Structures are given as structure tokens and as C-alpha cells.
PDB file of all heavy atoms in Angstrom:
ATOM      1  N   GLU A   1      -1.798   9.295  -1.005  1.00  0.00           N
ATOM      2  CA  GLU A   1      -1.061   8.027  -1.086  1.00  0.00           C
ATOM      3  C   GLU A   1      -1.927   6.859  -0.628  1.00  0.00           C
ATOM      4  O   GLU A   1      -1.840   5.752  -1.179  1.00  0.00           O
ATOM      5  CB  GLU A   1       0.208   8.097  -0.234  1.00  0.00           C
ATOM      6  CG  GLU A   1       1.230   9.146  -0.656  1.00  0.00           C
ATOM      7  CD  GLU A   1       1.989   8.753  -1.916  1.00  0.00           C
ATOM      8  OE1 GLU A   1       1.626   7.747  -2.556  1.00  0.00           O
ATOM      9  OE2 GLU A   1       2.937   9.477  -2.250  1.00  0.00           O
ATOM     10  N   LEU A   2      -2.757   7.094   0.388  1.00  0.00           N
ATOM     11  CA  LEU A   2      -3.644   6.032   0.876  1.00  0.00           C
ATOM     12  C   LEU A   2      -4.654   5.656  -0.202  1.00  0.00           C
ATOM     13  O   LEU A   2      -4.897   4.462  -0.449  1.00  0.00           O
ATOM     14  CB  LEU A   2      -4.355   6.491   2.146  1.00  0.00           C
ATOM     15  CG  LEU A   2      -5.200   5.440   2.874  1.00  0.00           C
ATOM     16  CD1 LEU A   2      -4.343   4.241   3.270  1.00  0.00           C
ATOM     17  CD2 LEU A   2      -5.860   6.047   4.109  1.00  0.00           C
ATOM     18  N   ALA A   3      -5.243   6.658  -0.851  1.00  0.00           N
ATOM     19  CA  ALA A   3      -6.195   6.387  -1.929  1.00  0.00           C
ATOM     20  C   ALA A   3      -5.519   5.641  -3.071  1.00  0.00           C
ATOM     21  O   ALA A   3      -6.076   4.681  -3.623  1.00  0.00           O
ATOM     22  CB  ALA A   3      -6.793   7.698  -2.439  1.00  0.00           C
ATOM     23  N   ASP A   4      -4.312   6.080  -3.426  1.00  0.00           N
ATOM     24  CA  ASP A   4      -3.552   5.427  -4.489  1.00  0.00           C
ATOM     25  C   ASP A   4      -3.324   3.947  -4.164  1.00  0.00           C
ATOM     26  O   ASP A   4      -3.573   3.065  -4.988  1.00  0.00           O
ATOM     27  CB  ASP A   4      -2.219   6.151  -4.660  1.00  0.00           C
ATOM     28  CG  ASP A   4      -1.406   5.629  -5.828  1.00  0.00           C
ATOM     29  OD1 ASP A   4      -0.818   4.529  -5.714  1.00  0.00           O
ATOM     30  OD2 ASP A   4      -1.341   6.325  -6.849  1.00  0.00           O
ATOM     31  N   SER A   5      -2.866   3.679  -2.948  1.00  0.00           N
ATOM     32  CA  SER A   5      -2.564   2.306  -2.541  1.00  0.00           C
ATOM     33  C   SER A   5      -3.822   1.455  -2.414  1.00  0.00           C
ATOM     34  O   SER A   5      -3.818   0.264  -2.738  1.00  0.00           O
ATOM     35  CB  SER A   5      -1.803   2.310  -1.208  1.00  0.00           C
ATOM     36  OG  SER A   5      -0.555   2.953  -1.345  1.00  0.00           O
ATOM     37  N   MET A   6      -4.915   2.070  -1.940  1.00  0.00           N
ATOM     38  CA  MET A   6      -6.169   1.325  -1.749  1.00  0.00           C
ATOM     39  C   MET A   6      -6.791   0.906  -3.078  1.00  0.00           C
ATOM     40  O   MET A   6      -7.577  -0.046  -3.131  1.00  0.00           O
ATOM     41  CB  MET A   6      -7.163   2.174  -0.961  1.00  0.00           C
ATOM     42  CG  MET A   6      -6.820   2.317   0.503  1.00  0.00           C
ATOM     43  SD  MET A   6      -8.000   3.360   1.417  1.00  0.00           S
ATOM     44  CE  MET A   6      -9.464   2.322   1.354  1.00  0.00           C
ATOM     45  N   ILE A   7      -6.435   1.602  -4.151  1.00  0.00           N
ATOM     46  CA  ILE A   7      -6.944   1.221  -5.467  1.00  0.00           C
ATOM     47  C   ILE A   7      -5.984   0.258  -6.158  1.00  0.00           C
ATOM     48  O   ILE A   7      -6.391  -0.814  -6.626  1.00  0.00           O
ATOM     49  CB  ILE A   7      -7.151   2.474  -6.345  1.00  0.00           C
ATOM     50  CG1 ILE A   7      -8.280   3.330  -5.770  1.00  0.00           C
ATOM     51  CG2 ILE A   7      -7.470   2.076  -7.793  1.00  0.00           C
ATOM     52  CD1 ILE A   7      -8.441   4.671  -6.451  1.00  0.00           C
ATOM     53  N   PHE A   8      -4.713   0.626  -6.202  1.00  0.00           N
ATOM     54  CA  PHE A   8      -3.752  -0.160  -6.991  1.00  0.00           C
ATOM     55  C   PHE A   8      -3.455  -1.533  -6.391  1.00  0.00           C
ATOM     56  O   PHE A   8      -3.557  -2.558  -7.081  1.00  0.00           O
ATOM     57  CB  PHE A   8      -2.448   0.630  -7.139  1.00  0.00           C
ATOM     58  CG  PHE A   8      -1.397  -0.110  -7.926  1.00  0.00           C
ATOM     59  CD1 PHE A   8      -1.459  -0.171  -9.305  1.00  0.00           C
ATOM     60  CD2 PHE A   8      -0.351  -0.764  -7.284  1.00  0.00           C
ATOM     61  CE1 PHE A   8      -0.499  -0.855 -10.035  1.00  0.00           C
ATOM     62  CE2 PHE A   8       0.611  -1.456  -8.000  1.00  0.00           C
ATOM     63  CZ  PHE A   8       0.541  -1.504  -9.384  1.00  0.00           C
ATOM     64  N   ILE A   9      -3.104  -1.580  -5.131  1.00  0.00           N
ATOM     65  CA  ILE A   9      -2.635  -2.841  -4.531  1.00  0.00           C
ATOM     66  C   ILE A   9      -3.715  -3.919  -4.482  1.00  0.00           C
ATOM     67  O   ILE A   9      -3.461  -5.073  -4.870  1.00  0.00           O
ATOM     68  CB  ILE A   9      -2.028  -2.583  -3.139  1.00  0.00           C
ATOM     69  CG1 ILE A   9      -0.745  -1.747  -3.299  1.00  0.00           C
ATOM     70  CG2 ILE A   9      -1.703  -3.894  -2.420  1.00  0.00           C
ATOM     71  CD1 ILE A   9      -0.102  -1.333  -2.006  1.00  0.00           C
ATOM     72  N   PRO A  10      -4.940  -3.619  -4.017  1.00  0.00           N
ATOM     73  CA  PRO A  10      -5.957  -4.686  -4.013  1.00  0.00           C
ATOM     74  C   PRO A  10      -6.276  -5.222  -5.403  1.00  0.00           C
ATOM     75  O   PRO A  10      -6.498  -6.430  -5.564  1.00  0.00           O
ATOM     76  CB  PRO A  10      -7.188  -3.990  -3.399  1.00  0.00           C
ATOM     77  CG  PRO A  10      -6.626  -2.905  -2.566  1.00  0.00           C
ATOM     78  CD  PRO A  10      -5.438  -2.401  -3.337  1.00  0.00           C
ATOM     79  N   ILE A  11      -6.305  -4.345  -6.415  1.00  0.00           N
ATOM     80  CA  ILE A  11      -6.615  -4.799  -7.773  1.00  0.00           C
ATOM     81  C   ILE A  11      -5.536  -5.742  -8.292  1.00  0.00           C
ATOM     82  O   ILE A  11      -5.816  -6.787  -8.881  1.00  0.00           O
ATOM     83  CB  ILE A  11      -6.766  -3.597  -8.725  1.00  0.00           C
ATOM     84  CG1 ILE A  11      -8.032  -2.801  -8.376  1.00  0.00           C
ATOM     85  CG2 ILE A  11      -6.840  -4.062 -10.180  1.00  0.00           C
ATOM     86  CD1 ILE A  11      -8.214  -1.537  -9.196  1.00  0.00           C
ATOM     87  N   VAL A  12      -4.291  -5.391  -8.051  1.00  0.00           N
ATOM     88  CA  VAL A  12      -3.177  -6.156  -8.634  1.00  0.00           C
ATOM     89  C   VAL A  12      -2.785  -7.361  -7.779  1.00  0.00           C
ATOM     90  O   VAL A  12      -2.433  -8.424  -8.305  1.00  0.00           O
ATOM     91  CB  VAL A  12      -1.959  -5.233  -8.844  1.00  0.00           C
ATOM     92  CG1 VAL A  12      -0.769  -6.022  -9.368  1.00  0.00           C
ATOM     93  CG2 VAL A  12      -2.315  -4.110  -9.806  1.00  0.00           C
ATOM     94  N   PHE A  13      -2.863  -7.234  -6.441  1.00  0.00           N
ATOM     95  CA  PHE A  13      -2.315  -8.270  -5.567  1.00  0.00           C
ATOM     96  C   PHE A  13      -3.369  -8.985  -4.715  1.00  0.00           C
ATOM     97  O   PHE A  13      -3.019  -9.652  -3.746  1.00  0.00           O
ATOM     98  CB  PHE A  13      -1.258  -7.653  -4.633  1.00  0.00           C
ATOM     99  CG  PHE A  13      -0.079  -7.077  -5.356  1.00  0.00           C
ATOM    100  CD1 PHE A  13       0.043  -5.706  -5.544  1.00  0.00           C
ATOM    101  CD2 PHE A  13       0.914  -7.903  -5.868  1.00  0.00           C
ATOM    102  CE1 PHE A  13       1.129  -5.168  -6.210  1.00  0.00           C
ATOM    103  CE2 PHE A  13       2.004  -7.384  -6.542  1.00  0.00           C
ATOM    104  CZ  PHE A  13       2.115  -6.016  -6.714  1.00  0.00           C
ATOM    105  N   TRP A  14      -4.647  -8.868  -5.055  1.00  0.00           N
ATOM    106  CA  TRP A  14      -5.694  -9.478  -4.236  1.00  0.00           C
ATOM    107  C   TRP A  14      -5.502 -10.983  -4.088  1.00  0.00           C
ATOM    108  O   TRP A  14      -5.772 -11.563  -3.031  1.00  0.00           O
ATOM    109  CB  TRP A  14      -7.068  -9.183  -4.826  1.00  0.00           C
ATOM    110  CG  TRP A  14      -8.183  -9.653  -3.940  1.00  0.00           C
ATOM    111  CD1 TRP A  14      -8.955 -10.769  -4.080  1.00  0.00           C
ATOM    112  CD2 TRP A  14      -8.627  -9.022  -2.736  1.00  0.00           C
ATOM    113  NE1 TRP A  14      -9.853 -10.857  -3.058  1.00  0.00           N
ATOM    114  CE2 TRP A  14      -9.679  -9.801  -2.207  1.00  0.00           C
ATOM    115  CE3 TRP A  14      -8.230  -7.869  -2.048  1.00  0.00           C
ATOM    116  CZ2 TRP A  14     -10.339  -9.462  -1.027  1.00  0.00           C
ATOM    117  CZ3 TRP A  14      -8.894  -7.525  -0.874  1.00  0.00           C
ATOM    118  CH2 TRP A  14      -9.928  -8.332  -0.388  1.00  0.00           C
ATOM    119  N   ALA A  15      -5.014 -11.637  -5.145  1.00  0.00           N
ATOM    120  CA  ALA A  15      -4.824 -13.086  -5.103  1.00  0.00           C
ATOM    121  C   ALA A  15      -3.765 -13.506  -4.091  1.00  0.00           C
ATOM    122  O   ALA A  15      -3.704 -14.675  -3.685  1.00  0.00           O
ATOM    123  CB  ALA A  15      -4.434 -13.601  -6.493  1.00  0.00           C
ATOM    124  N   SER A  16      -2.941 -12.555  -3.652  1.00  0.00           N
ATOM    125  CA  SER A  16      -1.884 -12.879  -2.688  1.00  0.00           C
ATOM    126  C   SER A  16      -2.404 -13.000  -1.263  1.00  0.00           C
ATOM    127  O   SER A  16      -1.658 -13.428  -0.369  1.00  0.00           O
ATOM    128  CB  SER A  16      -0.788 -11.802  -2.734  1.00  0.00           C
ATOM    129  OG  SER A  16      -0.233 -11.708  -4.031  1.00  0.00           O
ATOM    130  N   GLY A  17      -3.654 -12.595  -1.053  1.00  0.00           N
ATOM    131  CA  GLY A  17      -4.230 -12.706   0.289  1.00  0.00           C
ATOM    132  C   GLY A  17      -4.358 -11.350   0.970  1.00  0.00           C
ATOM    133  O   GLY A  17      -3.570 -10.432   0.704  1.00  0.00           O
ATOM    134  N   ILE A  18      -5.331 -11.242   1.840  1.00  0.00           N
ATOM    135  CA  ILE A  18      -5.637  -9.974   2.492  1.00  0.00           C
ATOM    136  C   ILE A  18      -4.473  -9.481   3.359  1.00  0.00           C
ATOM    137  O   ILE A  18      -4.194  -8.284   3.433  1.00  0.00           O
ATOM    138  CB  ILE A  18      -6.933 -10.100   3.339  1.00  0.00           C
ATOM    139  CG1 ILE A  18      -7.336  -8.731   3.906  1.00  0.00           C
ATOM    140  CG2 ILE A  18      -6.752 -11.119   4.450  1.00  0.00           C
ATOM    141  CD1 ILE A  18      -7.740  -7.736   2.863  1.00  0.00           C
ATOM    142  N   LYS A  19      -3.773 -10.410   4.024  1.00  0.00           N
ATOM    143  CA  LYS A  19      -2.659 -10.010   4.881  1.00  0.00           C
ATOM    144  C   LYS A  19      -1.551  -9.348   4.068  1.00  0.00           C
ATOM    145  O   LYS A  19      -1.000  -8.306   4.460  1.00  0.00           O
ATOM    146  CB  LYS A  19      -2.103 -11.214   5.633  1.00  0.00           C
ATOM    147  CG  LYS A  19      -0.976 -10.862   6.591  1.00  0.00           C
ATOM    148  CD  LYS A  19      -0.491 -12.085   7.352  1.00  0.00           C
ATOM    149  CE  LYS A  19       0.648 -11.714   8.295  1.00  0.00           C
ATOM    150  NZ  LYS A  19       1.151 -12.910   9.045  1.00  0.00           N
ATOM    151  N   THR A  20      -1.234  -9.952   2.924  1.00  0.00           N
ATOM    152  CA  THR A  20      -0.199  -9.398   2.054  1.00  0.00           C
ATOM    153  C   THR A  20      -0.608  -8.037   1.523  1.00  0.00           C
ATOM    154  O   THR A  20       0.198  -7.100   1.479  1.00  0.00           O
ATOM    155  CB  THR A  20       0.078 -10.351   0.877  1.00  0.00           C
ATOM    156  OG1 THR A  20       0.532 -11.610   1.386  1.00  0.00           O
ATOM    157  CG2 THR A  20       1.133  -9.767  -0.057  1.00  0.00           C
ATOM    158  N   VAL A  21      -1.868  -7.920   1.125  1.00  0.00           N
ATOM    159  CA  VAL A  21      -2.383  -6.657   0.589  1.00  0.00           C
ATOM    160  C   VAL A  21      -2.282  -5.549   1.634  1.00  0.00           C
ATOM    161  O   VAL A  21      -1.793  -4.442   1.353  1.00  0.00           O
ATOM    162  CB  VAL A  21      -3.842  -6.814   0.119  1.00  0.00           C
ATOM    163  CG1 VAL A  21      -4.483  -5.451  -0.141  1.00  0.00           C
ATOM    164  CG2 VAL A  21      -3.898  -7.656  -1.147  1.00  0.00           C
ATOM    165  N   LEU A  22      -2.724  -5.830   2.861  1.00  0.00           N
ATOM    166  CA  LEU A  22      -2.692  -4.829   3.925  1.00  0.00           C
ATOM    167  C   LEU A  22      -1.251  -4.446   4.287  1.00  0.00           C
ATOM    168  O   LEU A  22      -0.954  -3.269   4.545  1.00  0.00           O
ATOM    169  CB  LEU A  22      -3.431  -5.346   5.160  1.00  0.00           C
ATOM    170  CG  LEU A  22      -4.944  -5.503   5.006  1.00  0.00           C
ATOM    171  CD1 LEU A  22      -5.541  -6.118   6.270  1.00  0.00           C
ATOM    172  CD2 LEU A  22      -5.606  -4.159   4.705  1.00  0.00           C
ATOM    173  N   THR A  23      -0.360  -5.436   4.302  1.00  0.00           N
ATOM    174  CA  THR A  23       1.051  -5.168   4.614  1.00  0.00           C
ATOM    175  C   THR A  23       1.684  -4.279   3.558  1.00  0.00           C
ATOM    176  O   THR A  23       2.401  -3.319   3.879  1.00  0.00           O
ATOM    177  CB  THR A  23       1.838  -6.486   4.720  1.00  0.00           C
ATOM    178  OG1 THR A  23       1.276  -7.298   5.750  1.00  0.00           O
ATOM    179  CG2 THR A  23       3.299  -6.212   5.037  1.00  0.00           C
ATOM    180  N   MET A  24       1.408  -4.591   2.295  1.00  0.00           N
ATOM    181  CA  MET A  24       1.969  -3.793   1.201  1.00  0.00           C
ATOM    182  C   MET A  24       1.422  -2.368   1.224  1.00  0.00           C
ATOM    183  O   MET A  24       2.150  -1.404   0.994  1.00  0.00           O
ATOM    184  CB  MET A  24       1.664  -4.463  -0.145  1.00  0.00           C
ATOM    185  CG  MET A  24       2.413  -5.753  -0.382  1.00  0.00           C
ATOM    186  SD  MET A  24       2.088  -6.456  -2.023  1.00  0.00           S
ATOM    187  CE  MET A  24       2.924  -5.259  -3.070  1.00  0.00           C
ATOM    188  N   MET A  25       0.133  -2.223   1.512  1.00  0.00           N
ATOM    189  CA  MET A  25      -0.464  -0.886   1.583  1.00  0.00           C
ATOM    190  C   MET A  25       0.181  -0.072   2.696  1.00  0.00           C
ATOM    191  O   MET A  25       0.563   1.088   2.483  1.00  0.00           O
ATOM    192  CB  MET A  25      -1.976  -1.001   1.814  1.00  0.00           C
ATOM    193  CG  MET A  25      -2.759  -1.444   0.598  1.00  0.00           C
ATOM    194  SD  MET A  25      -4.511  -1.760   0.967  1.00  0.00           S
ATOM    195  CE  MET A  25      -5.006  -0.177   1.643  1.00  0.00           C
ATOM    196  N   ALA A  26       0.293  -0.677   3.875  1.00  0.00           N
ATOM    197  CA  ALA A  26       0.882   0.028   5.020  1.00  0.00           C
ATOM    198  C   ALA A  26       2.329   0.416   4.733  1.00  0.00           C
ATOM    199  O   ALA A  26       2.772   1.531   5.057  1.00  0.00           O
ATOM    200  CB  ALA A  26       0.804  -0.849   6.264  1.00  0.00           C
ATOM    201  N   CYS A  27       3.060  -0.491   4.119  1.00  0.00           N
ATOM    202  CA  CYS A  27       4.474  -0.258   3.821  1.00  0.00           C
ATOM    203  C   CYS A  27       4.650   0.884   2.830  1.00  0.00           C
ATOM    204  O   CYS A  27       5.447   1.799   3.043  1.00  0.00           O
ATOM    205  CB  CYS A  27       5.092  -1.541   3.271  1.00  0.00           C
ATOM    206  SG  CYS A  27       6.857  -1.415   2.926  1.00  0.00           S
ATOM    207  N   GLN A  28       3.882   0.855   1.735  1.00  0.00           N
ATOM    208  CA  GLN A  28       4.043   1.875   0.710  1.00  0.00           C
ATOM    209  C   GLN A  28       3.635   3.254   1.211  1.00  0.00           C
ATOM    210  O   GLN A  28       4.336   4.245   0.968  1.00  0.00           O
ATOM    211  CB  GLN A  28       3.216   1.503  -0.529  1.00  0.00           C
ATOM    212  CG  GLN A  28       3.789   0.317  -1.285  1.00  0.00           C
ATOM    213  CD  GLN A  28       3.494   0.390  -2.774  1.00  0.00           C
ATOM    214  OE1 GLN A  28       3.586   1.439  -3.387  1.00  0.00           O
ATOM    215  NE2 GLN A  28       3.145  -0.744  -3.350  1.00  0.00           N
ATOM    216  N   VAL A  29       2.509   3.327   1.910  1.00  0.00           N
ATOM    217  CA  VAL A  29       2.058   4.621   2.427  1.00  0.00           C
ATOM    218  C   VAL A  29       3.081   5.177   3.416  1.00  0.00           C
ATOM    219  O   VAL A  29       3.442   6.363   3.378  1.00  0.00           O
ATOM    220  CB  VAL A  29       0.674   4.509   3.085  1.00  0.00           C
ATOM    221  CG1 VAL A  29       0.306   5.809   3.795  1.00  0.00           C
ATOM    222  CG2 VAL A  29      -0.382   4.172   2.044  1.00  0.00           C
ATOM    223  N   THR A  30       3.575   4.312   4.307  1.00  0.00           N
ATOM    224  CA  THR A  30       4.538   4.745   5.324  1.00  0.00           C
ATOM    225  C   THR A  30       5.819   5.275   4.692  1.00  0.00           C
ATOM    226  O   THR A  30       6.300   6.369   5.036  1.00  0.00           O
ATOM    227  CB  THR A  30       4.880   3.583   6.272  1.00  0.00           C
ATOM    228  OG1 THR A  30       3.691   3.149   6.936  1.00  0.00           O
ATOM    229  CG2 THR A  30       5.898   4.028   7.316  1.00  0.00           C
ATOM    230  N   VAL A  31       6.381   4.511   3.755  1.00  0.00           N
ATOM    231  CA  VAL A  31       7.645   4.902   3.129  1.00  0.00           C
ATOM    232  C   VAL A  31       7.489   6.185   2.315  1.00  0.00           C
ATOM    233  O   VAL A  31       8.327   7.087   2.373  1.00  0.00           O
ATOM    234  CB  VAL A  31       8.181   3.761   2.241  1.00  0.00           C
ATOM    235  CG1 VAL A  31       9.362   4.246   1.390  1.00  0.00           C
ATOM    236  CG2 VAL A  31       8.607   2.584   3.106  1.00  0.00           C
ATOM    237  N   LYS A  32       6.392   6.292   1.564  1.00  0.00           N
ATOM    238  CA  LYS A  32       6.189   7.481   0.724  1.00  0.00           C
ATOM    239  C   LYS A  32       5.990   8.737   1.573  1.00  0.00           C
ATOM    240  O   LYS A  32       6.498   9.815   1.232  1.00  0.00           O
ATOM    241  CB  LYS A  32       4.998   7.257  -0.200  1.00  0.00           C
ATOM    242  CG  LYS A  32       5.272   6.253  -1.320  1.00  0.00           C
ATOM    243  CD  LYS A  32       4.040   5.997  -2.153  1.00  0.00           C
ATOM    244  CE  LYS A  32       4.324   4.999  -3.266  1.00  0.00           C
ATOM    245  NZ  LYS A  32       3.124   4.698  -4.084  1.00  0.00           N
ATOM    246  N   VAL A  33       5.246   8.606   2.672  1.00  0.00           N
ATOM    247  CA  VAL A  33       5.024   9.765   3.535  1.00  0.00           C
ATOM    248  C   VAL A  33       6.315  10.155   4.249  1.00  0.00           C
ATOM    249  O   VAL A  33       6.627  11.342   4.399  1.00  0.00           O
ATOM    250  CB  VAL A  33       3.890   9.494   4.540  1.00  0.00           C
ATOM    251  CG1 VAL A  33       3.788  10.620   5.571  1.00  0.00           C
ATOM    252  CG2 VAL A  33       2.562   9.351   3.807  1.00  0.00           C
ATOM    253  N   LEU A  34       7.103   9.160   4.698  1.00  0.00           N
ATOM    254  CA  LEU A  34       8.398   9.456   5.311  1.00  0.00           C
ATOM    255  C   LEU A  34       9.308  10.177   4.318  1.00  0.00           C
ATOM    256  O   LEU A  34      10.037  11.106   4.677  1.00  0.00           O
ATOM    257  CB  LEU A  34       9.059   8.163   5.792  1.00  0.00           C
ATOM    258  CG  LEU A  34       8.496   7.549   7.076  1.00  0.00           C
ATOM    259  CD1 LEU A  34       9.163   6.205   7.353  1.00  0.00           C
ATOM    260  CD2 LEU A  34       8.722   8.492   8.261  1.00  0.00           C
ATOM    261  N   TYR A  35       9.266   9.731   3.083  1.00  0.00           N
ATOM    262  CA  TYR A  35      10.028  10.362   1.997  1.00  0.00           C
ATOM    263  C   TYR A  35       9.682  11.857   1.935  1.00  0.00           C
ATOM    264  O   TYR A  35      10.563  12.714   1.871  1.00  0.00           O
ATOM    265  CB  TYR A  35       9.643   9.660   0.697  1.00  0.00           C
ATOM    266  CG  TYR A  35      10.406  10.050  -0.549  1.00  0.00           C
ATOM    267  CD1 TYR A  35      11.191   9.123  -1.219  1.00  0.00           C
ATOM    268  CD2 TYR A  35      10.306  11.315  -1.106  1.00  0.00           C
ATOM    269  CE1 TYR A  35      11.868   9.442  -2.390  1.00  0.00           C
ATOM    270  CE2 TYR A  35      10.975  11.655  -2.265  1.00  0.00           C
ATOM    271  CZ  TYR A  35      11.750  10.714  -2.903  1.00  0.00           C
ATOM    272  OH  TYR A  35      12.416  11.051  -4.055  1.00  0.00           O
ATOM    273  N   GLU A  36       8.396  12.148   1.958  1.00  0.00           N
ATOM    274  CA  GLU A  36       7.964  13.540   1.851  1.00  0.00           C
ATOM    275  C   GLU A  36       8.266  14.329   3.118  1.00  0.00           C
ATOM    276  O   GLU A  36       8.519  15.542   3.049  1.00  0.00           O
ATOM    277  CB  GLU A  36       6.480  13.593   1.506  1.00  0.00           C
ATOM    278  CG  GLU A  36       6.196  12.964   0.144  1.00  0.00           C
ATOM    279  CD  GLU A  36       4.832  13.312  -0.395  1.00  0.00           C
ATOM    280  OE1 GLU A  36       4.416  14.470  -0.246  1.00  0.00           O
ATOM    281  OE2 GLU A  36       4.189  12.422  -0.964  1.00  0.00           O
ATOM    282  N   LEU A  37       8.248  13.673   4.262  1.00  0.00           N
ATOM    283  CA  LEU A  37       8.620  14.352   5.509  1.00  0.00           C
ATOM    284  C   LEU A  37      10.084  14.783   5.471  1.00  0.00           C
ATOM    285  O   LEU A  37      10.428  15.899   5.874  1.00  0.00           O
ATOM    286  CB  LEU A  37       8.382  13.419   6.701  1.00  0.00           C
ATOM    287  CG  LEU A  37       7.013  13.455   7.363  1.00  0.00           C
ATOM    288  CD1 LEU A  37       6.882  12.317   8.372  1.00  0.00           C
ATOM    289  CD2 LEU A  37       6.780  14.799   8.050  1.00  0.00           C
ATOM    290  N   ILE A  38      10.928  13.889   4.986  1.00  0.00           N
ATOM    291  CA  ILE A  38      12.359  14.181   4.931  1.00  0.00           C
ATOM    292  C   ILE A  38      12.652  15.356   4.002  1.00  0.00           C
ATOM    293  O   ILE A  38      13.492  16.215   4.290  1.00  0.00           O
ATOM    294  CB  ILE A  38      13.143  12.927   4.479  1.00  0.00           C
ATOM    295  CG1 ILE A  38      13.064  11.842   5.565  1.00  0.00           C
ATOM    296  CG2 ILE A  38      14.593  13.274   4.168  1.00  0.00           C
ATOM    297  CD1 ILE A  38      13.584  10.494   5.127  1.00  0.00           C
TER     298      ILE A  38
END
């Protein structure tokens, strides 16, 4: 999931700024991993 997010989000959302990119990456990885934990 980290590899997926590190490729997709920066390519698509780089113009939104580094803070937004990092927040979106952290959010998606966290939610997806929690999903799989459950």
C-alpha cells in the first residue's frame, strides 16, 4: 500500500503541495491497513 500510494498520489496530486501529498499518503495507507486488520 505504501508503494502504491508513493507512486499514485505524488504523480496525480503534486500540484496540491507537499503537505497535501504527505497527508493523503498517510491517510490512505492507514485506512487501507486498518481495513485489512479488521
